């Protein structure tokens, strides 16, 4: 295998290919009705996010789905009833299920 060396004026310097200086980053304005072109969307602003509370049962369901997927057991559509019933159990039982799934990895 041959290593490829990138030429840079100072070979000892670290070059971050993904670095962007805020002064150099400009987001193009959306195209007007006369132009039909794509444009980049600005990154999301965390301060503008909606603060909608999630029900504990829904949070447990999402946590269980994530734990199953991380353990290599992607839930199937026919598993929905079982997951909904497991999510209705108390938080301690749900945490135990997720711990068990975590240890199967």
PDB file of N, CA and C in Angstrom:
ATOM      1  N   UNK A   1       0.851  -1.174   0.000  1.00  0.00           N
ATOM      2  CA  UNK A   1       0.000   0.000   0.000  1.00  0.00           C
ATOM      3  C   UNK A   1       0.897   1.238   0.000  1.00  0.00           C
ATOM      4  N   UNK A   2       0.601   2.174  -0.857  1.00  0.00           N
ATOM      5  CA  UNK A   2       1.401   3.376  -0.986  1.00  0.00           C
ATOM      6  C   UNK A   2       0.710   4.521  -0.263  1.00  0.00           C
ATOM      7  N   UNK A   3       1.452   5.218   0.559  1.00  0.00           N
ATOM      8  CA  UNK A   3       0.908   6.377   1.258  1.00  0.00           C
ATOM      9  C   UNK A   3       0.961   7.581   0.334  1.00  0.00           C
ATOM     10  N   UNK A   4      -0.075   8.370   0.379  1.00  0.00           N
ATOM     11  CA  UNK A   4      -0.141   9.573  -0.436  1.00  0.00           C
ATOM     12  C   UNK A   4       0.155  10.764   0.463  1.00  0.00           C
ATOM     13  N   UNK A   5       1.118  11.538   0.086  1.00  0.00           N
ATOM     14  CA  UNK A   5       1.471  12.732   0.861  1.00  0.00           C
ATOM     15  C   UNK A   5       0.849  13.939   0.187  1.00  0.00           C
ATOM     16  N   UNK A   6       0.123  14.712   0.971  1.00  0.00           N
ATOM     17  CA  UNK A   6      -0.462  15.941   0.452  1.00  0.00           C
ATOM     18  C   UNK A   6       0.556  17.056   0.609  1.00  0.00           C
ATOM     19  N   UNK A   7       0.733  17.805  -0.425  1.00  0.00           N
ATOM     20  CA  UNK A   7       1.703  18.885  -0.367  1.00  0.00           C
ATOM     21  C   UNK A   7       1.095  20.081   0.343  1.00  0.00           C
ATOM     22  N   UNK A   8       1.865  20.626   1.247  1.00  0.00           N
ATOM     23  CA  UNK A   8       1.432  21.781   2.014  1.00  0.00           C
ATOM     24  C   UNK A   8       2.670  22.631   2.259  1.00  0.00           C
ATOM     25  N   UNK A   9       2.536  23.959   2.280  1.00  0.00           N
ATOM     26  CA  UNK A   9       3.717  24.811   2.454  1.00  0.00           C
ATOM     27  C   UNK A   9       4.537  24.466   3.691  1.00  0.00           C
ATOM     28  N   UNK A  10       3.890  24.126   4.779  1.00  0.00           N
ATOM     29  CA  UNK A  10       4.615  23.724   5.985  1.00  0.00           C
ATOM     30  C   UNK A  10       4.213  22.286   6.301  1.00  0.00           C
ATOM     31  N   UNK A  11       5.041  21.321   5.999  1.00  0.00           N
ATOM     32  CA  UNK A  11       4.657  19.922   6.159  1.00  0.00           C
ATOM     33  C   UNK A  11       4.364  19.521   7.600  1.00  0.00           C
ATOM     34  N   UNK A  12       4.881  20.246   8.578  1.00  0.00           N
ATOM     35  CA  UNK A  12       4.626  19.894   9.962  1.00  0.00           C
ATOM     36  C   UNK A  12       3.275  20.423  10.448  1.00  0.00           C
ATOM     37  N   UNK A  13       2.661  21.306   9.721  1.00  0.00           N
ATOM     38  CA  UNK A  13       1.412  21.916  10.161  1.00  0.00           C
ATOM     39  C   UNK A  13       0.259  20.935   9.976  1.00  0.00           C
ATOM     40  N   UNK A  14      -0.662  20.950  10.916  1.00  0.00           N
ATOM     41  CA  UNK A  14      -1.865  20.134  10.823  1.00  0.00           C
ATOM     42  C   UNK A  14      -2.902  20.915  10.024  1.00  0.00           C
ATOM     43  N   UNK A  15      -3.441  20.290   9.026  1.00  0.00           N
ATOM     44  CA  UNK A  15      -4.442  20.944   8.194  1.00  0.00           C
ATOM     45  C   UNK A  15      -5.787  20.295   8.472  1.00  0.00           C
ATOM     46  N   UNK A  16      -6.711  21.060   8.996  1.00  0.00           N
ATOM     47  CA  UNK A  16      -8.054  20.565   9.261  1.00  0.00           C
ATOM     48  C   UNK A  16      -8.895  20.822   8.026  1.00  0.00           C
ATOM     49  N   UNK A  17      -9.228  19.751   7.309  1.00  0.00           N
ATOM     50  CA  UNK A  17      -9.971  19.899   6.066  1.00  0.00           C
ATOM     51  C   UNK A  17     -11.396  20.374   6.278  1.00  0.00           C
ATOM     52  N   UNK A  18     -11.901  20.205   7.502  1.00  0.00           N
ATOM     53  CA  UNK A  18     -13.293  20.559   7.762  1.00  0.00           C
ATOM     54  C   UNK A  18     -13.443  21.891   8.502  1.00  0.00           C
ATOM     55  N   UNK A  19     -12.339  22.552   8.757  1.00  0.00           N
ATOM     56  CA  UNK A  19     -12.418  23.824   9.474  1.00  0.00           C
ATOM     57  C   UNK A  19     -12.990  24.901   8.565  1.00  0.00           C
ATOM     58  N   UNK A  20     -13.813  25.733   9.133  1.00  0.00           N
ATOM     59  CA  UNK A  20     -14.382  26.853   8.391  1.00  0.00           C
ATOM     60  C   UNK A  20     -14.326  28.080   9.284  1.00  0.00           C
ATOM     61  N   UNK A  21     -13.900  29.144   8.723  1.00  0.00           N
ATOM     62  CA  UNK A  21     -13.852  30.388   9.475  1.00  0.00           C
ATOM     63  C   UNK A  21     -15.206  31.081   9.329  1.00  0.00           C
ATOM     64  N   UNK A  22     -15.809  31.526  10.446  1.00  0.00           N
ATOM     65  CA  UNK A  22     -17.138  32.137  10.372  1.00  0.00           C
ATOM     66  C   UNK A  22     -17.218  33.294   9.380  1.00  0.00           C
ATOM     67  N   UNK A  23     -16.137  34.039   9.221  1.00  0.00           N
ATOM     68  CA  UNK A  23     -16.170  35.173   8.290  1.00  0.00           C
ATOM     69  C   UNK A  23     -16.253  34.694   6.840  1.00  0.00           C
ATOM     70  N   UNK A  24     -15.775  33.471   6.589  1.00  0.00           N
ATOM     71  CA  UNK A  24     -15.775  32.962   5.221  1.00  0.00           C
ATOM     72  C   UNK A  24     -17.054  32.218   4.864  1.00  0.00           C
ATOM     73  N   UNK A  25     -17.863  31.878   5.867  1.00  0.00           N
ATOM     74  CA  UNK A  25     -19.069  31.101   5.613  1.00  0.00           C
ATOM     75  C   UNK A  25     -20.235  32.042   5.367  1.00  0.00           C
ATOM     76  N   UNK A  26     -20.806  31.946   4.230  1.00  0.00           N
ATOM     77  CA  UNK A  26     -22.000  32.731   3.918  1.00  0.00           C
ATOM     78  C   UNK A  26     -23.057  31.781   3.391  1.00  0.00           C
ATOM     79  N   UNK A  27     -24.265  31.994   3.805  1.00  0.00           N
ATOM     80  CA  UNK A  27     -25.372  31.154   3.354  1.00  0.00           C
ATOM     81  C   UNK A  27     -26.110  31.905   2.262  1.00  0.00           C
ATOM     82  N   UNK A  28     -26.229  31.293   1.101  1.00  0.00           N
ATOM     83  CA  UNK A  28     -26.914  31.974   0.011  1.00  0.00           C
ATOM     84  C   UNK A  28     -28.385  32.187   0.330  1.00  0.00           C
ATOM     85  N   UNK A  29     -28.892  33.261  -0.169  1.00  0.00           N
ATOM     86  CA  UNK A  29     -30.302  33.567   0.036  1.00  0.00           C
ATOM     87  C   UNK A  29     -31.153  32.620  -0.805  1.00  0.00           C
ATOM     88  N   UNK A  30     -32.375  32.335  -0.347  1.00  0.00           N
ATOM     89  CA  UNK A  30     -33.250  31.482  -1.153  1.00  0.00           C
ATOM     90  C   UNK A  30     -33.494  32.097  -2.529  1.00  0.00           C
ATOM     91  N   UNK A  31     -33.671  31.236  -3.483  1.00  0.00           N
ATOM     92  CA  UNK A  31     -33.906  31.703  -4.844  1.00  0.00           C
ATOM     93  C   UNK A  31     -35.269  32.377  -4.928  1.00  0.00           C
ATOM     94  N   UNK A  32     -35.341  33.418  -5.693  1.00  0.00           N
ATOM     95  CA  UNK A  32     -36.601  34.111  -5.894  1.00  0.00           C
ATOM     96  C   UNK A  32     -37.490  33.326  -6.843  1.00  0.00           C
ATOM     97  N   UNK A  33     -38.696  33.809  -7.080  1.00  0.00           N
ATOM     98  CA  UNK A  33     -39.611  33.088  -7.961  1.00  0.00           C
ATOM     99  C   UNK A  33     -39.084  32.991  -9.395  1.00  0.00           C
ATOM    100  N   UNK A  34     -38.205  33.912  -9.777  1.00  0.00           N
ATOM    101  CA  UNK A  34     -37.685  33.887 -11.138  1.00  0.00           C
ATOM    102  C   UNK A  34     -36.553  32.885 -11.302  1.00  0.00           C
ATOM    103  N   UNK A  35     -35.966  32.415 -10.175  1.00  0.00           N
ATOM    104  CA  UNK A  35     -34.866  31.462 -10.245  1.00  0.00           C
ATOM    105  C   UNK A  35     -35.302  30.133  -9.653  1.00  0.00           C
ATOM    106  N   UNK A  36     -34.902  29.070 -10.319  1.00  0.00           N
ATOM    107  CA  UNK A  36     -35.217  27.741  -9.818  1.00  0.00           C
ATOM    108  C   UNK A  36     -33.903  27.029  -9.536  1.00  0.00           C
ATOM    109  N   UNK A  37     -33.390  27.216  -8.297  1.00  0.00           N
ATOM    110  CA  UNK A  37     -32.132  26.592  -7.949  1.00  0.00           C
ATOM    111  C   UNK A  37     -32.159  26.122  -6.503  1.00  0.00           C
ATOM    112  N   UNK A  38     -31.316  25.154  -6.197  1.00  0.00           N
ATOM    113  CA  UNK A  38     -31.197  24.673  -4.829  1.00  0.00           C
ATOM    114  C   UNK A  38     -30.287  25.606  -4.045  1.00  0.00           C
ATOM    115  N   UNK A  39     -30.449  25.592  -2.719  1.00  0.00           N
ATOM    116  CA  UNK A  39     -29.583  26.389  -1.873  1.00  0.00           C
ATOM    117  C   UNK A  39     -29.431  25.671  -0.540  1.00  0.00           C
ATOM    118  N   UNK A  40     -28.352  25.964   0.150  1.00  0.00           N
ATOM    119  CA  UNK A  40     -28.092  25.350   1.438  1.00  0.00           C
ATOM    120  C   UNK A  40     -28.916  26.022   2.522  1.00  0.00           C
ATOM    121  N   UNK A  41     -29.407  25.217   3.448  1.00  0.00           N
ATOM    122  CA  UNK A  41     -30.121  25.766   4.591  1.00  0.00           C
ATOM    123  C   UNK A  41     -29.116  26.099   5.687  1.00  0.00           C
ATOM    124  N   UNK A  42     -29.362  27.137   6.466  1.00  0.00           N
ATOM    125  CA  UNK A  42     -28.448  27.451   7.564  1.00  0.00           C
ATOM    126  C   UNK A  42     -28.553  26.369   8.642  1.00  0.00           C
ATOM    127  N   UNK A  43     -27.530  26.202   9.451  1.00  0.00           N
ATOM    128  CA  UNK A  43     -27.604  25.201  10.516  1.00  0.00           C
ATOM    129  C   UNK A  43     -28.679  25.577  11.525  1.00  0.00           C
ATOM    130  N   UNK A  44     -29.273  24.592  12.203  1.00  0.00           N
ATOM    131  CA  UNK A  44     -30.341  24.906  13.152  1.00  0.00           C
ATOM    132  C   UNK A  44     -29.817  25.674  14.355  1.00  0.00           C
ATOM    133  N   UNK A  45     -30.667  26.517  14.878  1.00  0.00           N
ATOM    134  CA  UNK A  45     -30.346  27.300  16.066  1.00  0.00           C
ATOM    135  C   UNK A  45     -31.028  26.625  17.256  1.00  0.00           C
ATOM    136  N   UNK A  46     -30.239  26.105  18.182  1.00  0.00           N
ATOM    137  CA  UNK A  46     -30.797  25.363  19.323  1.00  0.00           C
ATOM    138  C   UNK A  46     -31.745  26.218  20.156  1.00  0.00           C
ATOM    139  N   UNK A  47     -31.542  27.518  20.205  1.00  0.00           N
ATOM    140  CA  UNK A  47     -32.398  28.394  21.006  1.00  0.00           C
ATOM    141  C   UNK A  47     -33.796  28.515  20.411  1.00  0.00           C
ATOM    142  N   UNK A  48     -33.944  28.210  19.141  1.00  0.00           N
ATOM    143  CA  UNK A  48     -35.236  28.341  18.478  1.00  0.00           C
ATOM    144  C   UNK A  48     -36.023  27.036  18.439  1.00  0.00           C
ATOM    145  N   UNK A  49     -35.509  25.974  19.055  1.00  0.00           N
ATOM    146  CA  UNK A  49     -36.212  24.699  19.034  1.00  0.00           C
ATOM    147  C   UNK A  49     -37.460  24.761  19.891  1.00  0.00           C
ATOM    148  N   UNK A  50     -38.422  23.954  19.516  1.00  0.00           N
ATOM    149  CA  UNK A  50     -39.648  23.865  20.295  1.00  0.00           C
ATOM    150  C   UNK A  50     -39.382  23.054  21.556  1.00  0.00           C
ATOM    151  N   UNK A  51     -39.945  23.473  22.632  1.00  0.00           N
ATOM    152  CA  UNK A  51     -39.772  22.774  23.899  1.00  0.00           C
ATOM    153  C   UNK A  51     -41.064  22.027  24.209  1.00  0.00           C
ATOM    154  N   UNK A  52     -41.280  20.924  23.516  1.00  0.00           N
ATOM    155  CA  UNK A  52     -42.464  20.115  23.738  1.00  0.00           C
ATOM    156  C   UNK A  52     -42.100  18.961  24.659  1.00  0.00           C
ATOM    157  N   UNK A  53     -42.800  18.855  25.770  1.00  0.00           N
ATOM    158  CA  UNK A  53     -42.482  17.746  26.671  1.00  0.00           C
ATOM    159  C   UNK A  53     -42.897  16.412  26.050  1.00  0.00           C
ATOM    160  N   UNK A  54     -42.149  15.381  26.366  1.00  0.00           N
ATOM    161  CA  UNK A  54     -42.467  14.056  25.869  1.00  0.00           C
ATOM    162  C   UNK A  54     -42.960  13.234  27.057  1.00  0.00           C
ATOM    163  N   UNK A  55     -44.006  12.469  26.840  1.00  0.00           N
ATOM    164  CA  UNK A  55     -44.582  11.650  27.903  1.00  0.00           C
ATOM    165  C   UNK A  55     -43.568  10.586  28.332  1.00  0.00           C
ATOM    166  N   UNK A  56     -43.540  10.243  29.623  1.00  0.00           N
ATOM    167  CA  UNK A  56     -42.584   9.235  30.091  1.00  0.00           C
ATOM    168  C   UNK A  56     -42.706   7.903  29.336  1.00  0.00           C
ATOM    169  N   UNK A  57     -43.926   7.498  29.036  1.00  0.00           N
ATOM    170  CA  UNK A  57     -44.124   6.235  28.303  1.00  0.00           C
ATOM    171  C   UNK A  57     -43.498   6.322  26.914  1.00  0.00           C
ATOM    172  N   UNK A  58     -43.663   7.461  26.246  1.00  0.00           N
ATOM    173  CA  UNK A  58     -43.062   7.647  24.921  1.00  0.00           C
ATOM    174  C   UNK A  58     -41.538   7.669  25.008  1.00  0.00           C
ATOM    175  N   UNK A  59     -41.008   8.292  26.054  1.00  0.00           N
ATOM    176  CA  UNK A  59     -39.554   8.323  26.237  1.00  0.00           C
ATOM    177  C   UNK A  59     -39.020   6.911  26.451  1.00  0.00           C
ATOM    178  N   UNK A  60     -39.737   6.109  27.259  1.00  0.00           N
ATOM    179  CA  UNK A  60     -39.307   4.722  27.484  1.00  0.00           C
ATOM    180  C   UNK A  60     -39.384   3.917  26.193  1.00  0.00           C
ATOM    181  N   UNK A  61     -40.409   4.166  25.374  1.00  0.00           N
ATOM    182  CA  UNK A  61     -40.549   3.461  24.093  1.00  0.00           C
ATOM    183  C   UNK A  61     -39.386   3.805  23.176  1.00  0.00           C
ATOM    184  N   UNK A  62     -39.034   5.083  23.082  1.00  0.00           N
ATOM    185  CA  UNK A  62     -37.915   5.497  22.238  1.00  0.00           C
ATOM    186  C   UNK A  62     -36.601   4.918  22.743  1.00  0.00           C
ATOM    187  N   UNK A  63     -36.412   4.918  24.064  1.00  0.00           N
ATOM    188  CA  UNK A  63     -35.196   4.338  24.641  1.00  0.00           C
ATOM    189  C   UNK A  63     -35.111   2.848  24.341  1.00  0.00           C
ATOM    190  N   UNK A  64     -36.236   2.151  24.429  1.00  0.00           N
ATOM    191  CA  UNK A  64     -36.250   0.717  24.163  1.00  0.00           C
ATOM    192  C   UNK A  64     -35.967   0.433  22.685  1.00  0.00           C
ATOM    193  N   UNK A  65     -36.562   1.218  21.801  1.00  0.00           N
ATOM    194  CA  UNK A  65     -36.292   1.052  20.366  1.00  0.00           C
ATOM    195  C   UNK A  65     -34.810   1.283  20.064  1.00  0.00           C
ATOM    196  N   UNK A  66     -34.226   2.296  20.680  1.00  0.00           N
ATOM    197  CA  UNK A  66     -32.806   2.581  20.468  1.00  0.00           C
ATOM    198  C   UNK A  66     -31.942   1.450  21.010  1.00  0.00           C
ATOM    199  N   UNK A  67     -32.298   0.917  22.195  1.00  0.00           N
ATOM    200  CA  UNK A  67     -31.515  -0.168  22.782  1.00  0.00           C
ATOM    201  C   UNK A  67     -31.609  -1.428  21.937  1.00  0.00           C
ATOM    202  N   UNK A  68     -32.784  -1.733  21.433  1.00  0.00           N
ATOM    203  CA  UNK A  68     -32.941  -2.903  20.570  1.00  0.00           C
ATOM    204  C   UNK A  68     -32.109  -2.758  19.301  1.00  0.00           C
ATOM    205  N   UNK A  69     -32.173  -1.605  18.695  1.00  0.00           N
ATOM    206  CA  UNK A  69     -31.428  -1.368  17.460  1.00  0.00           C
ATOM    207  C   UNK A  69     -29.925  -1.432  17.713  1.00  0.00           C
ATOM    208  N   UNK A  70     -29.464  -0.837  18.815  1.00  0.00           N
ATOM    209  CA  UNK A  70     -28.038  -0.860  19.142  1.00  0.00           C
ATOM    210  C   UNK A  70     -27.557  -2.274  19.432  1.00  0.00           C
ATOM    211  N   UNK A  71     -28.450  -3.121  19.953  1.00  0.00           N
ATOM    212  CA  UNK A  71     -28.084  -4.503  20.257  1.00  0.00           C
ATOM    213  C   UNK A  71     -28.130  -5.386  19.017  1.00  0.00           C
ATOM    214  N   UNK A  72     -28.484  -4.800  17.874  1.00  0.00           N
ATOM    215  CA  UNK A  72     -28.535  -5.581  16.634  1.00  0.00           C
ATOM    216  C   UNK A  72     -29.854  -6.292  16.443  1.00  0.00           C
ATOM    217  N   UNK A  73     -30.891  -5.833  17.119  1.00  0.00           N
ATOM    218  CA  UNK A  73     -32.220  -6.427  17.003  1.00  0.00           C
ATOM    219  C   UNK A  73     -33.170  -5.340  16.505  1.00  0.00           C
ATOM    220  N   UNK A  74     -33.131  -5.027  15.217  1.00  0.00           N
ATOM    221  CA  UNK A  74     -34.019  -3.962  14.739  1.00  0.00           C
ATOM    222  C   UNK A  74     -35.481  -4.397  14.858  1.00  0.00           C
ATOM    223  N   UNK A  75     -36.288  -3.584  15.524  1.00  0.00           N
ATOM    224  CA  UNK A  75     -37.695  -3.944  15.688  1.00  0.00           C
ATOM    225  C   UNK A  75     -38.420  -4.008  14.344  1.00  0.00           C
ATOM    226  N   UNK A  76     -39.295  -4.967  14.233  1.00  0.00           N
ATOM    227  CA  UNK A  76     -40.118  -5.121  13.033  1.00  0.00           C
ATOM    228  C   UNK A  76     -41.478  -4.474  13.288  1.00  0.00           C
ATOM    229  N   UNK A  77     -42.218  -4.179  12.244  1.00  0.00           N
ATOM    230  CA  UNK A  77     -43.543  -3.578  12.447  1.00  0.00           C
ATOM    231  C   UNK A  77     -44.463  -4.431  13.325  1.00  0.00           C
ATOM    232  N   UNK A  78     -44.360  -5.743  13.217  1.00  0.00           N
ATOM    233  CA  UNK A  78     -45.235  -6.605  14.024  1.00  0.00           C
ATOM    234  C   UNK A  78     -44.827  -6.624  15.502  1.00  0.00           C
ATOM    235  N   UNK A  79     -43.684  -6.033  15.848  1.00  0.00           N
ATOM    236  CA  UNK A  79     -43.234  -5.955  17.237  1.00  0.00           C
ATOM    237  C   UNK A  79     -43.814  -4.752  17.978  1.00  0.00           C
ATOM    238  N   UNK A  80     -44.563  -3.941  17.286  1.00  0.00           N
ATOM    239  CA  UNK A  80     -45.028  -2.679  17.876  1.00  0.00           C
ATOM    240  C   UNK A  80     -45.872  -2.886  19.123  1.00  0.00           C
ATOM    241  N   UNK A  81     -46.788  -3.855  19.099  1.00  0.00           N
ATOM    242  CA  UNK A  81     -47.637  -4.078  20.277  1.00  0.00           C
ATOM    243  C   UNK A  81     -46.814  -4.494  21.485  1.00  0.00           C
ATOM    244  N   UNK A  82     -45.855  -5.372  21.273  1.00  0.00           N
ATOM    245  CA  UNK A  82     -45.009  -5.820  22.385  1.00  0.00           C
ATOM    246  C   UNK A  82     -44.196  -4.660  22.941  1.00  0.00           C
ATOM    247  N   UNK A  83     -43.647  -3.827  22.065  1.00  0.00           N
ATOM    248  CA  UNK A  83     -42.849  -2.685  22.516  1.00  0.00           C
ATOM    249  C   UNK A  83     -43.722  -1.686  23.259  1.00  0.00           C
ATOM    250  N   UNK A  84     -44.949  -1.465  22.778  1.00  0.00           N
ATOM    251  CA  UNK A  84     -45.863  -0.554  23.476  1.00  0.00           C
ATOM    252  C   UNK A  84     -46.205  -1.081  24.869  1.00  0.00           C
ATOM    253  N   UNK A  85     -46.411  -2.387  24.997  1.00  0.00           N
ATOM    254  CA  UNK A  85     -46.733  -2.945  26.305  1.00  0.00           C
ATOM    255  C   UNK A  85     -45.526  -2.904  27.242  1.00  0.00           C
ATOM    256  N   UNK A  86     -44.329  -3.165  26.701  1.00  0.00           N
ATOM    257  CA  UNK A  86     -43.125  -3.065  27.524  1.00  0.00           C
ATOM    258  C   UNK A  86     -42.884  -1.626  27.966  1.00  0.00           C
ATOM    259  N   UNK A  87     -43.245  -0.673  27.125  1.00  0.00           N
ATOM    260  CA  UNK A  87     -43.048   0.740  27.465  1.00  0.00           C
ATOM    261  C   UNK A  87     -44.013   1.200  28.539  1.00  0.00           C
ATOM    262  N   UNK A  88     -45.117   0.482  28.700  1.00  0.00           N
ATOM    263  CA  UNK A  88     -46.089   0.845  29.726  1.00  0.00           C
ATOM    264  C   UNK A  88     -45.646   0.394  31.115  1.00  0.00           C
ATOM    265  N   UNK A  89     -44.654  -0.493  31.176  1.00  0.00           N
ATOM    266  CA  UNK A  89     -44.153  -0.954  32.471  1.00  0.00           C
ATOM    267  C   UNK A  89     -43.421   0.189  33.175  1.00  0.00           C
ATOM    268  N   UNK A  90     -43.230   0.083  34.487  1.00  0.00           N
ATOM    269  CA  UNK A  90     -42.538   1.147  35.226  1.00  0.00           C
ATOM    270  C   UNK A  90     -41.130   1.396  34.686  1.00  0.00           C
ATOM    271  N   UNK A  91     -40.613   2.561  34.973  1.00  0.00           N
ATOM    272  CA  UNK A  91     -39.310   2.992  34.458  1.00  0.00           C
ATOM    273  C   UNK A  91     -38.183   2.067  34.913  1.00  0.00           C
ATOM    274  N   UNK A  92     -38.270   1.529  36.127  1.00  0.00           N
ATOM    275  CA  UNK A  92     -37.219   0.646  36.636  1.00  0.00           C
ATOM    276  C   UNK A  92     -37.128  -0.632  35.799  1.00  0.00           C
ATOM    277  N   UNK A  93     -38.263  -1.178  35.421  1.00  0.00           N
ATOM    278  CA  UNK A  93     -38.282  -2.403  34.607  1.00  0.00           C
ATOM    279  C   UNK A  93     -37.744  -2.101  33.213  1.00  0.00           C
ATOM    280  N   UNK A  94     -38.132  -0.964  32.685  1.00  0.00           N
ATOM    281  CA  UNK A  94     -37.637  -0.574  31.352  1.00  0.00           C
ATOM    282  C   UNK A  94     -36.132  -0.391  31.382  1.00  0.00           C
ATOM    283  N   UNK A  95     -35.610   0.216  32.439  1.00  0.00           N
ATOM    284  CA  UNK A  95     -34.162   0.407  32.559  1.00  0.00           C
ATOM    285  C   UNK A  95     -33.450  -0.943  32.652  1.00  0.00           C
ATOM    286  N   UNK A  96     -34.047  -1.906  33.350  1.00  0.00           N
ATOM    287  CA  UNK A  96     -33.460  -3.246  33.450  1.00  0.00           C
ATOM    288  C   UNK A  96     -33.423  -3.913  32.083  1.00  0.00           C
ATOM    289  N   UNK A  97     -34.502  -3.798  31.327  1.00  0.00           N
ATOM    290  CA  UNK A  97     -34.532  -4.367  29.968  1.00  0.00           C
ATOM    291  C   UNK A  97     -33.427  -3.772  29.102  1.00  0.00           C
ATOM    292  N   UNK A  98     -33.275  -2.459  29.185  1.00  0.00           N
ATOM    293  CA  UNK A  98     -32.245  -1.805  28.378  1.00  0.00           C
ATOM    294  C   UNK A  98     -30.834  -2.211  28.836  1.00  0.00           C
ATOM    295  N   UNK A  99     -30.657  -2.405  30.149  1.00  0.00           N
ATOM    296  CA  UNK A  99     -29.357  -2.851  30.658  1.00  0.00           C
ATOM    297  C   UNK A  99     -29.048  -4.247  30.132  1.00  0.00           C
ATOM    298  N   UNK A 100     -30.047  -5.125  30.140  1.00  0.00           N
ATOM    299  CA  UNK A 100     -29.853  -6.473  29.621  1.00  0.00           C
ATOM    300  C   UNK A 100     -29.474  -6.428  28.151  1.00  0.00           C
ATOM    301  N   UNK A 101     -30.176  -5.598  27.397  1.00  0.00           N
ATOM    302  CA  UNK A 101     -29.870  -5.477  25.963  1.00  0.00           C
ATOM    303  C   UNK A 101     -28.466  -4.924  25.741  1.00  0.00           C
ATOM    304  N   UNK A 102     -28.075  -3.984  26.595  1.00  0.00           N
ATOM    305  CA  UNK A 102     -26.739  -3.390  26.470  1.00  0.00           C
ATOM    306  C   UNK A 102     -25.650  -4.432  26.699  1.00  0.00           C
ATOM    307  N   UNK A 103     -25.893  -5.360  27.619  1.00  0.00           N
ATOM    308  CA  UNK A 103     -24.885  -6.380  27.930  1.00  0.00           C
ATOM    309  C   UNK A 103     -24.854  -7.500  26.892  1.00  0.00           C
ATOM    310  N   UNK A 104     -25.823  -7.543  25.984  1.00  0.00           N
ATOM    311  CA  UNK A 104     -25.780  -8.567  24.925  1.00  0.00           C
ATOM    312  C   UNK A 104     -24.846  -8.169  23.798  1.00  0.00           C
ATOM    313  N   UNK A 105     -24.422  -6.914  23.779  1.00  0.00           N
ATOM    314  CA  UNK A 105     -23.553  -6.448  22.693  1.00  0.00           C
ATOM    315  C   UNK A 105     -22.142  -6.908  22.896  1.00  0.00           C
TER     316      UNK A 105
END
